[in-house]
């Protein structure tokens, strides 16, 4: 009974947050294997872009250690936090 009440409350709060967030934006990220500038090794690069409400903003592009899901998520979050106060 308590569990279902908490679940309903969390759903209600999540809906309110999503409805009140304007403008709605979409985060796009692209990974690509490219040759390293200093050697002939292949390196994973990740680019992150935010689009929505008539605006497209490049958050950044950087080398990543490997293409694992954990590494990608960490890098995407770091793009978000490093650009949180950028104009």
PDB file of N, CA and C in Angstrom:
ATOM      1  N   UNK A   1       0.820  -1.183   0.000  1.00  0.00           N
ATOM      2  CA  UNK A   1       0.000   0.000   0.000  1.00  0.00           C
ATOM      3  C   UNK A   1       0.875   1.262   0.000  1.00  0.00           C
ATOM      4  N   UNK A   2       1.885   1.302   0.860  1.00  0.00           N
ATOM      5  CA  UNK A   2       2.782   2.449   0.896  1.00  0.00           C
ATOM      6  C   UNK A   2       3.594   2.525  -0.396  1.00  0.00           C
ATOM      7  N   UNK A   3       4.021   1.356  -0.880  1.00  0.00           N
ATOM      8  CA  UNK A   3       4.807   1.313  -2.110  1.00  0.00           C
ATOM      9  C   UNK A   3       4.020   1.882  -3.289  1.00  0.00           C
ATOM     10  N   UNK A   4       2.766   1.494  -3.430  1.00  0.00           N
ATOM     11  CA  UNK A   4       1.969   1.990  -4.554  1.00  0.00           C
ATOM     12  C   UNK A   4       1.687   3.487  -4.418  1.00  0.00           C
ATOM     13  N   UNK A   5       1.512   3.971  -3.192  1.00  0.00           N
ATOM     14  CA  UNK A   5       1.298   5.404  -2.982  1.00  0.00           C
ATOM     15  C   UNK A   5       2.547   6.187  -3.370  1.00  0.00           C
ATOM     16  N   UNK A   6       3.713   5.674  -3.004  1.00  0.00           N
ATOM     17  CA  UNK A   6       4.964   6.339  -3.380  1.00  0.00           C
ATOM     18  C   UNK A   6       5.148   6.355  -4.887  1.00  0.00           C
ATOM     19  N   UNK A   7       4.833   5.239  -5.525  1.00  0.00           N
ATOM     20  CA  UNK A   7       4.967   5.153  -6.975  1.00  0.00           C
ATOM     21  C   UNK A   7       4.057   6.164  -7.665  1.00  0.00           C
ATOM     22  N   UNK A   8       2.817   6.271  -7.231  1.00  0.00           N
ATOM     23  CA  UNK A   8       1.875   7.247  -7.817  1.00  0.00           C
ATOM     24  C   UNK A   8       2.373   8.667  -7.606  1.00  0.00           C
ATOM     25  N   UNK A   9       2.899   8.946  -6.404  1.00  0.00           N
ATOM     26  CA  UNK A   9       3.405  10.281  -6.109  1.00  0.00           C
ATOM     27  C   UNK A   9       4.594  10.620  -7.002  1.00  0.00           C
ATOM     28  N   UNK A  10       5.519   9.670  -7.185  1.00  0.00           N
ATOM     29  CA  UNK A  10       6.676   9.904  -8.055  1.00  0.00           C
ATOM     30  C   UNK A  10       6.246  10.123  -9.493  1.00  0.00           C
ATOM     31  N   UNK A  11       5.259   9.375  -9.966  1.00  0.00           N
ATOM     32  CA  UNK A  11       4.750   9.577 -11.327  1.00  0.00           C
ATOM     33  C   UNK A  11       4.135  10.962 -11.476  1.00  0.00           C
ATOM     34  N   UNK A  12       3.391  11.395 -10.461  1.00  0.00           N
ATOM     35  CA  UNK A  12       2.760  12.710 -10.495  1.00  0.00           C
ATOM     36  C   UNK A  12       3.827  13.816 -10.535  1.00  0.00           C
ATOM     37  N   UNK A  13       4.838  13.703  -9.703  1.00  0.00           N
ATOM     38  CA  UNK A  13       5.914  14.701  -9.671  1.00  0.00           C
ATOM     39  C   UNK A  13       6.670  14.716 -10.998  1.00  0.00           C
ATOM     40  N   UNK A  14       6.964  13.546 -11.540  1.00  0.00           N
ATOM     41  CA  UNK A  14       7.676  13.466 -12.820  1.00  0.00           C
ATOM     42  C   UNK A  14       6.865  14.112 -13.937  1.00  0.00           C
ATOM     43  N   UNK A  15       5.567  13.885 -13.953  1.00  0.00           N
ATOM     44  CA  UNK A  15       4.695  14.492 -14.960  1.00  0.00           C
ATOM     45  C   UNK A  15       4.686  16.004 -14.825  1.00  0.00           C
ATOM     46  N   UNK A  16       4.598  16.504 -13.596  1.00  0.00           N
ATOM     47  CA  UNK A  16       4.604  17.952 -13.370  1.00  0.00           C
ATOM     48  C   UNK A  16       5.919  18.582 -13.823  1.00  0.00           C
ATOM     49  N   UNK A  17       7.025  17.920 -13.540  1.00  0.00           N
ATOM     50  CA  UNK A  17       8.330  18.451 -13.945  1.00  0.00           C
ATOM     51  C   UNK A  17       8.434  18.480 -15.465  1.00  0.00           C
ATOM     52  N   UNK A  18       8.036  17.401 -16.126  1.00  0.00           N
ATOM     53  CA  UNK A  18       8.110  17.351 -17.593  1.00  0.00           C
ATOM     54  C   UNK A  18       7.199  18.392 -18.241  1.00  0.00           C
ATOM     55  N   UNK A  19       6.011  18.578 -17.683  1.00  0.00           N
ATOM     56  CA  UNK A  19       5.079  19.552 -18.247  1.00  0.00           C
ATOM     57  C   UNK A  19       5.541  20.989 -18.049  1.00  0.00           C
ATOM     58  N   UNK A  20       6.242  21.263 -16.953  1.00  0.00           N
ATOM     59  CA  UNK A  20       6.669  22.627 -16.663  1.00  0.00           C
ATOM     60  C   UNK A  20       7.985  22.992 -17.330  1.00  0.00           C
ATOM     61  N   UNK A  21       8.702  22.020 -17.888  1.00  0.00           N
ATOM     62  CA  UNK A  21      10.002  22.290 -18.502  1.00  0.00           C
ATOM     63  C   UNK A  21       9.812  22.806 -19.913  1.00  0.00           C
ATOM     64  N   UNK A  22      10.187  24.046 -20.143  1.00  0.00           N
ATOM     65  CA  UNK A  22      10.127  24.653 -21.468  1.00  0.00           C
ATOM     66  C   UNK A  22      11.438  25.367 -21.711  1.00  0.00           C
ATOM     67  N   UNK A  23      12.011  25.397 -22.824  1.00  0.00           N
ATOM     68  CA  UNK A  23      11.598  24.667 -24.002  1.00  0.00           C
ATOM     69  C   UNK A  23      12.050  23.211 -23.948  1.00  0.00           C
ATOM     70  N   UNK A  24      11.371  22.389 -24.659  1.00  0.00           N
ATOM     71  CA  UNK A  24      11.771  20.981 -24.730  1.00  0.00           C
ATOM     72  C   UNK A  24      12.952  20.862 -25.687  1.00  0.00           C
ATOM     73  N   UNK A  25      13.960  20.136 -25.264  1.00  0.00           N
ATOM     74  CA  UNK A  25      15.165  19.969 -26.072  1.00  0.00           C
ATOM     75  C   UNK A  25      15.490  18.487 -26.197  1.00  0.00           C
ATOM     76  N   UNK A  26      16.306  18.176 -27.196  1.00  0.00           N
ATOM     77  CA  UNK A  26      16.729  16.803 -27.440  1.00  0.00           C
ATOM     78  C   UNK A  26      18.247  16.773 -27.433  1.00  0.00           C
ATOM     79  N   UNK A  27      18.816  15.794 -26.736  1.00  0.00           N
ATOM     80  CA  UNK A  27      20.261  15.605 -26.700  1.00  0.00           C
ATOM     81  C   UNK A  27      20.629  14.542 -27.735  1.00  0.00           C
ATOM     82  N   UNK A  28      21.538  14.899 -28.629  1.00  0.00           N
ATOM     83  CA  UNK A  28      22.043  13.963 -29.645  1.00  0.00           C
ATOM     84  C   UNK A  28      23.518  13.727 -29.344  1.00  0.00           C
ATOM     85  N   UNK A  29      23.949  12.492 -29.465  1.00  0.00           N
ATOM     86  CA  UNK A  29      25.385  12.230 -29.339  1.00  0.00           C
ATOM     87  C   UNK A  29      25.803  11.275 -30.431  1.00  0.00           C
ATOM     88  N   UNK A  30      27.014  11.500 -30.928  1.00  0.00           N
ATOM     89  CA  UNK A  30      27.537  10.738 -32.043  1.00  0.00           C
ATOM     90  C   UNK A  30      28.938  10.265 -31.706  1.00  0.00           C
ATOM     91  N   UNK A  31      29.191   9.002 -31.917  1.00  0.00           N
ATOM     92  CA  UNK A  31      30.521   8.452 -31.713  1.00  0.00           C
ATOM     93  C   UNK A  31      31.139   8.101 -33.048  1.00  0.00           C
ATOM     94  N   UNK A  32      32.441   8.278 -33.152  1.00  0.00           N
ATOM     95  CA  UNK A  32      33.125   7.979 -34.404  1.00  0.00           C
ATOM     96  C   UNK A  32      34.558   7.558 -34.107  1.00  0.00           C
ATOM     97  N   UNK A  33      35.027   6.557 -34.828  1.00  0.00           N
ATOM     98  CA  UNK A  33      36.429   6.144 -34.756  1.00  0.00           C
ATOM     99  C   UNK A  33      37.224   6.949 -35.778  1.00  0.00           C
ATOM    100  N   UNK A  34      38.222   7.688 -35.303  1.00  0.00           N
ATOM    101  CA  UNK A  34      39.069   8.489 -36.183  1.00  0.00           C
ATOM    102  C   UNK A  34      40.527   8.226 -35.852  1.00  0.00           C
ATOM    103  N   UNK A  35      41.398   8.525 -36.802  1.00  0.00           N
ATOM    104  CA  UNK A  35      42.831   8.380 -36.558  1.00  0.00           C
ATOM    105  C   UNK A  35      43.289   9.481 -35.611  1.00  0.00           C
ATOM    106  N   UNK A  36      44.172   9.109 -34.691  1.00  0.00           N
ATOM    107  CA  UNK A  36      44.733  10.071 -33.761  1.00  0.00           C
ATOM    108  C   UNK A  36      45.644  11.033 -34.519  1.00  0.00           C
ATOM    109  N   UNK A  37      45.723  12.268 -34.078  1.00  0.00           N
ATOM    110  CA  UNK A  37      46.525  13.276 -34.754  1.00  0.00           C
ATOM    111  C   UNK A  37      48.013  12.963 -34.669  1.00  0.00           C
ATOM    112  N   UNK A  38      48.452  12.437 -33.538  1.00  0.00           N
ATOM    113  CA  UNK A  38      49.886  12.213 -33.320  1.00  0.00           C
ATOM    114  C   UNK A  38      50.371  10.817 -33.690  1.00  0.00           C
ATOM    115  N   UNK A  39      49.454   9.892 -33.949  1.00  0.00           N
ATOM    116  CA  UNK A  39      49.860   8.533 -34.313  1.00  0.00           C
ATOM    117  C   UNK A  39      48.842   7.952 -35.283  1.00  0.00           C
ATOM    118  N   UNK A  40      49.073   6.730 -35.703  1.00  0.00           N
ATOM    119  CA  UNK A  40      48.153   6.106 -36.654  1.00  0.00           C
ATOM    120  C   UNK A  40      47.085   5.259 -35.950  1.00  0.00           C
ATOM    121  N   UNK A  41      47.021   5.346 -34.611  1.00  0.00           N
ATOM    122  CA  UNK A  41      46.032   4.582 -33.855  1.00  0.00           C
ATOM    123  C   UNK A  41      44.628   5.146 -34.074  1.00  0.00           C
ATOM    124  N   UNK A  42      43.629   4.258 -33.986  1.00  0.00           N
ATOM    125  CA  UNK A  42      42.236   4.701 -34.042  1.00  0.00           C
ATOM    126  C   UNK A  42      41.775   5.082 -32.638  1.00  0.00           C
ATOM    127  N   UNK A  43      41.050   6.191 -32.536  1.00  0.00           N
ATOM    128  CA  UNK A  43      40.586   6.705 -31.256  1.00  0.00           C
ATOM    129  C   UNK A  43      39.088   6.963 -31.353  1.00  0.00           C
ATOM    130  N   UNK A  44      38.352   6.646 -30.272  1.00  0.00           N
ATOM    131  CA  UNK A  44      36.923   6.963 -30.204  1.00  0.00           C
ATOM    132  C   UNK A  44      36.741   8.436 -29.890  1.00  0.00           C
ATOM    133  N   UNK A  45      35.910   9.121 -30.676  1.00  0.00           N
ATOM    134  CA  UNK A  45      35.539  10.501 -30.408  1.00  0.00           C
ATOM    135  C   UNK A  45      34.039  10.559 -30.176  1.00  0.00           C
ATOM    136  N   UNK A  46      33.610  11.468 -29.314  1.00  0.00           N
ATOM    137  CA  UNK A  46      32.200  11.634 -28.993  1.00  0.00           C
ATOM    138  C   UNK A  46      31.844  13.104 -29.142  1.00  0.00           C
ATOM    139  N   UNK A  47      30.779  13.376 -29.893  1.00  0.00           N
ATOM    140  CA  UNK A  47      30.263  14.740 -30.031  1.00  0.00           C
ATOM    141  C   UNK A  47      28.859  14.775 -29.437  1.00  0.00           C
ATOM    142  N   UNK A  48      28.532  15.874 -28.747  1.00  0.00           N
ATOM    143  CA  UNK A  48      27.202  16.026 -28.145  1.00  0.00           C
ATOM    144  C   UNK A  48      26.589  17.334 -28.620  1.00  0.00           C
ATOM    145  N   UNK A  49      25.306  17.257 -29.027  1.00  0.00           N
ATOM    146  CA  UNK A  49      24.569  18.408 -29.561  1.00  0.00           C
ATOM    147  C   UNK A  49      23.202  18.447 -28.898  1.00  0.00           C
ATOM    148  N   UNK A  50      22.720  19.653 -28.576  1.00  0.00           N
ATOM    149  CA  UNK A  50      21.378  19.840 -28.042  1.00  0.00           C
ATOM    150  C   UNK A  50      20.592  20.631 -29.069  1.00  0.00           C
ATOM    151  N   UNK A  51      19.365  20.177 -29.380  1.00  0.00           N
ATOM    152  CA  UNK A  51      18.526  20.907 -30.325  1.00  0.00           C
ATOM    153  C   UNK A  51      17.107  21.005 -29.788  1.00  0.00           C
ATOM    154  N   UNK A  52      16.427  22.049 -30.199  1.00  0.00           N
ATOM    155  CA  UNK A  52      15.043  22.252 -29.802  1.00  0.00           C
ATOM    156  C   UNK A  52      14.722  23.725 -29.724  1.00  0.00           C
ATOM    157  N   UNK A  53      13.448  24.065 -29.872  1.00  0.00           N
ATOM    158  CA  UNK A  53      12.962  25.450 -29.804  1.00  0.00           C
ATOM    159  C   UNK A  53      13.725  26.350 -30.774  1.00  0.00           C
ATOM    160  N   UNK A  54      14.055  25.831 -31.956  1.00  0.00           N
ATOM    161  CA  UNK A  54      14.732  26.620 -32.966  1.00  0.00           C
ATOM    162  C   UNK A  54      16.204  26.882 -32.710  1.00  0.00           C
ATOM    163  N   UNK A  55      16.804  26.184 -31.762  1.00  0.00           N
ATOM    164  CA  UNK A  55      18.209  26.400 -31.417  1.00  0.00           C
ATOM    165  C   UNK A  55      18.957  25.073 -31.493  1.00  0.00           C
ATOM    166  N   UNK A  56      20.172  25.129 -32.032  1.00  0.00           N
ATOM    167  CA  UNK A  56      21.065  23.973 -32.028  1.00  0.00           C
ATOM    168  C   UNK A  56      22.363  24.424 -31.377  1.00  0.00           C
ATOM    169  N   UNK A  57      22.817  23.692 -30.373  1.00  0.00           N
ATOM    170  CA  UNK A  57      24.049  24.054 -29.670  1.00  0.00           C
ATOM    171  C   UNK A  57      24.954  22.834 -29.583  1.00  0.00           C
ATOM    172  N   UNK A  58      26.192  23.006 -29.994  1.00  0.00           N
ATOM    173  CA  UNK A  58      27.194  21.951 -29.862  1.00  0.00           C
ATOM    174  C   UNK A  58      27.763  22.046 -28.453  1.00  0.00           C
ATOM    175  N   UNK A  59      27.601  20.991 -27.673  1.00  0.00           N
ATOM    176  CA  UNK A  59      28.129  20.987 -26.317  1.00  0.00           C
ATOM    177  C   UNK A  59      29.625  20.714 -26.298  1.00  0.00           C
ATOM    178  N   UNK A  60      30.093  19.940 -27.269  1.00  0.00           N
ATOM    179  CA  UNK A  60      31.521  19.668 -27.330  1.00  0.00           C
ATOM    180  C   UNK A  60      31.816  18.373 -28.046  1.00  0.00           C
ATOM    181  N   UNK A  61      33.100  18.130 -28.257  1.00  0.00           N
ATOM    182  CA  UNK A  61      33.580  16.883 -28.853  1.00  0.00           C
ATOM    183  C   UNK A  61      34.893  16.543 -28.171  1.00  0.00           C
ATOM    184  N   UNK A  62      35.073  15.276 -27.844  1.00  0.00           N
ATOM    185  CA  UNK A  62      36.299  14.875 -27.137  1.00  0.00           C
ATOM    186  C   UNK A  62      36.623  13.415 -27.394  1.00  0.00           C
ATOM    187  N   UNK A  63      37.874  13.083 -27.107  1.00  0.00           N
ATOM    188  CA  UNK A  63      38.310  11.688 -27.160  1.00  0.00           C
ATOM    189  C   UNK A  63      37.723  10.961 -25.965  1.00  0.00           C
ATOM    190  N   UNK A  64      37.373   9.707 -26.164  1.00  0.00           N
ATOM    191  CA  UNK A  64      36.924   8.884 -25.047  1.00  0.00           C
ATOM    192  C   UNK A  64      37.813   7.650 -24.958  1.00  0.00           C
ATOM    193  N   UNK A  65      37.926   7.106 -23.760  1.00  0.00           N
ATOM    194  CA  UNK A  65      38.823   5.967 -23.530  1.00  0.00           C
ATOM    195  C   UNK A  65      38.383   4.735 -24.309  1.00  0.00           C
ATOM    196  N   UNK A  66      37.104   4.412 -24.231  1.00  0.00           N
ATOM    197  CA  UNK A  66      36.575   3.271 -24.964  1.00  0.00           C
ATOM    198  C   UNK A  66      35.094   3.509 -25.224  1.00  0.00           C
ATOM    199  N   UNK A  67      34.495   2.701 -26.027  1.00  0.00           N
ATOM    200  CA  UNK A  67      33.115   2.912 -26.415  1.00  0.00           C
ATOM    201  C   UNK A  67      32.101   2.192 -25.550  1.00  0.00           C
ATOM    202  N   UNK A  68      32.449   1.901 -24.308  1.00  0.00           N
ATOM    203  CA  UNK A  68      31.503   1.207 -23.446  1.00  0.00           C
ATOM    204  C   UNK A  68      30.374   2.145 -23.036  1.00  0.00           C
ATOM    205  N   UNK A  69      29.258   1.572 -22.676  1.00  0.00           N
ATOM    206  CA  UNK A  69      28.089   2.356 -22.282  1.00  0.00           C
ATOM    207  C   UNK A  69      28.403   3.248 -21.082  1.00  0.00           C
ATOM    208  N   UNK A  70      29.119   2.714 -20.114  1.00  0.00           N
ATOM    209  CA  UNK A  70      29.463   3.476 -18.910  1.00  0.00           C
ATOM    210  C   UNK A  70      30.309   4.701 -19.264  1.00  0.00           C
ATOM    211  N   UNK A  71      31.285   4.537 -20.132  1.00  0.00           N
ATOM    212  CA  UNK A  71      32.143   5.643 -20.530  1.00  0.00           C
ATOM    213  C   UNK A  71      31.365   6.691 -21.324  1.00  0.00           C
ATOM    214  N   UNK A  72      30.478   6.246 -22.220  1.00  0.00           N
ATOM    215  CA  UNK A  72      29.666   7.178 -22.991  1.00  0.00           C
ATOM    216  C   UNK A  72      28.768   8.009 -22.082  1.00  0.00           C
ATOM    217  N   UNK A  73      28.098   7.363 -21.133  1.00  0.00           N
ATOM    218  CA  UNK A  73      27.210   8.072 -20.212  1.00  0.00           C
ATOM    219  C   UNK A  73      27.994   9.074 -19.384  1.00  0.00           C
ATOM    220  N   UNK A  74      29.159   8.682 -18.881  1.00  0.00           N
ATOM    221  CA  UNK A  74      29.971   9.599 -18.084  1.00  0.00           C
ATOM    222  C   UNK A  74      30.364  10.832 -18.894  1.00  0.00           C
ATOM    223  N   UNK A  75      30.778  10.629 -20.145  1.00  0.00           N
ATOM    224  CA  UNK A  75      31.184  11.755 -20.994  1.00  0.00           C
ATOM    225  C   UNK A  75      30.013  12.646 -21.361  1.00  0.00           C
ATOM    226  N   UNK A  76      28.860  12.077 -21.632  1.00  0.00           N
ATOM    227  CA  UNK A  76      27.683  12.886 -21.955  1.00  0.00           C
ATOM    228  C   UNK A  76      27.283  13.728 -20.747  1.00  0.00           C
ATOM    229  N   UNK A  77      27.326  13.137 -19.553  1.00  0.00           N
ATOM    230  CA  UNK A  77      27.027  13.909 -18.341  1.00  0.00           C
ATOM    231  C   UNK A  77      28.039  15.031 -18.137  1.00  0.00           C
ATOM    232  N   UNK A  78      29.306  14.759 -18.421  1.00  0.00           N
ATOM    233  CA  UNK A  78      30.310  15.807 -18.233  1.00  0.00           C
ATOM    234  C   UNK A  78      30.112  16.946 -19.232  1.00  0.00           C
ATOM    235  N   UNK A  79      29.626  16.659 -20.456  1.00  0.00           N
ATOM    236  CA  UNK A  79      29.264  17.718 -21.398  1.00  0.00           C
ATOM    237  C   UNK A  79      28.181  18.591 -20.788  1.00  0.00           C
ATOM    238  N   UNK A  80      27.174  17.935 -20.222  1.00  0.00           N
ATOM    239  CA  UNK A  80      26.034  18.658 -19.664  1.00  0.00           C
ATOM    240  C   UNK A  80      26.472  19.563 -18.520  1.00  0.00           C
ATOM    241  N   UNK A  81      27.276  19.039 -17.596  1.00  0.00           N
ATOM    242  CA  UNK A  81      27.687  19.826 -16.447  1.00  0.00           C
ATOM    243  C   UNK A  81      28.687  20.913 -16.827  1.00  0.00           C
ATOM    244  N   UNK A  82      29.541  20.658 -17.795  1.00  0.00           N
ATOM    245  CA  UNK A  82      30.524  21.678 -18.166  1.00  0.00           C
ATOM    246  C   UNK A  82      29.874  22.821 -18.926  1.00  0.00           C
ATOM    247  N   UNK A  83      28.682  22.603 -19.512  1.00  0.00           N
ATOM    248  CA  UNK A  83      27.984  23.636 -20.255  1.00  0.00           C
ATOM    249  C   UNK A  83      26.743  24.155 -19.538  1.00  0.00           C
ATOM    250  N   UNK A  84      26.571  23.784 -18.296  1.00  0.00           N
ATOM    251  CA  UNK A  84      25.348  24.161 -17.577  1.00  0.00           C
ATOM    252  C   UNK A  84      25.189  25.671 -17.466  1.00  0.00           C
ATOM    253  N   UNK A  85      26.293  26.389 -17.339  1.00  0.00           N
ATOM    254  CA  UNK A  85      26.200  27.838 -17.163  1.00  0.00           C
ATOM    255  C   UNK A  85      26.737  28.602 -18.355  1.00  0.00           C
ATOM    256  N   UNK A  86      27.017  27.898 -19.450  1.00  0.00           N
ATOM    257  CA  UNK A  86      27.517  28.566 -20.651  1.00  0.00           C
ATOM    258  C   UNK A  86      26.350  29.188 -21.411  1.00  0.00           C
ATOM    259  N   UNK A  87      26.613  30.260 -22.077  1.00  0.00           N
ATOM    260  CA  UNK A  87      25.541  30.916 -22.841  1.00  0.00           C
ATOM    261  C   UNK A  87      25.557  30.470 -24.278  1.00  0.00           C
TER     262      UNK A  87
END
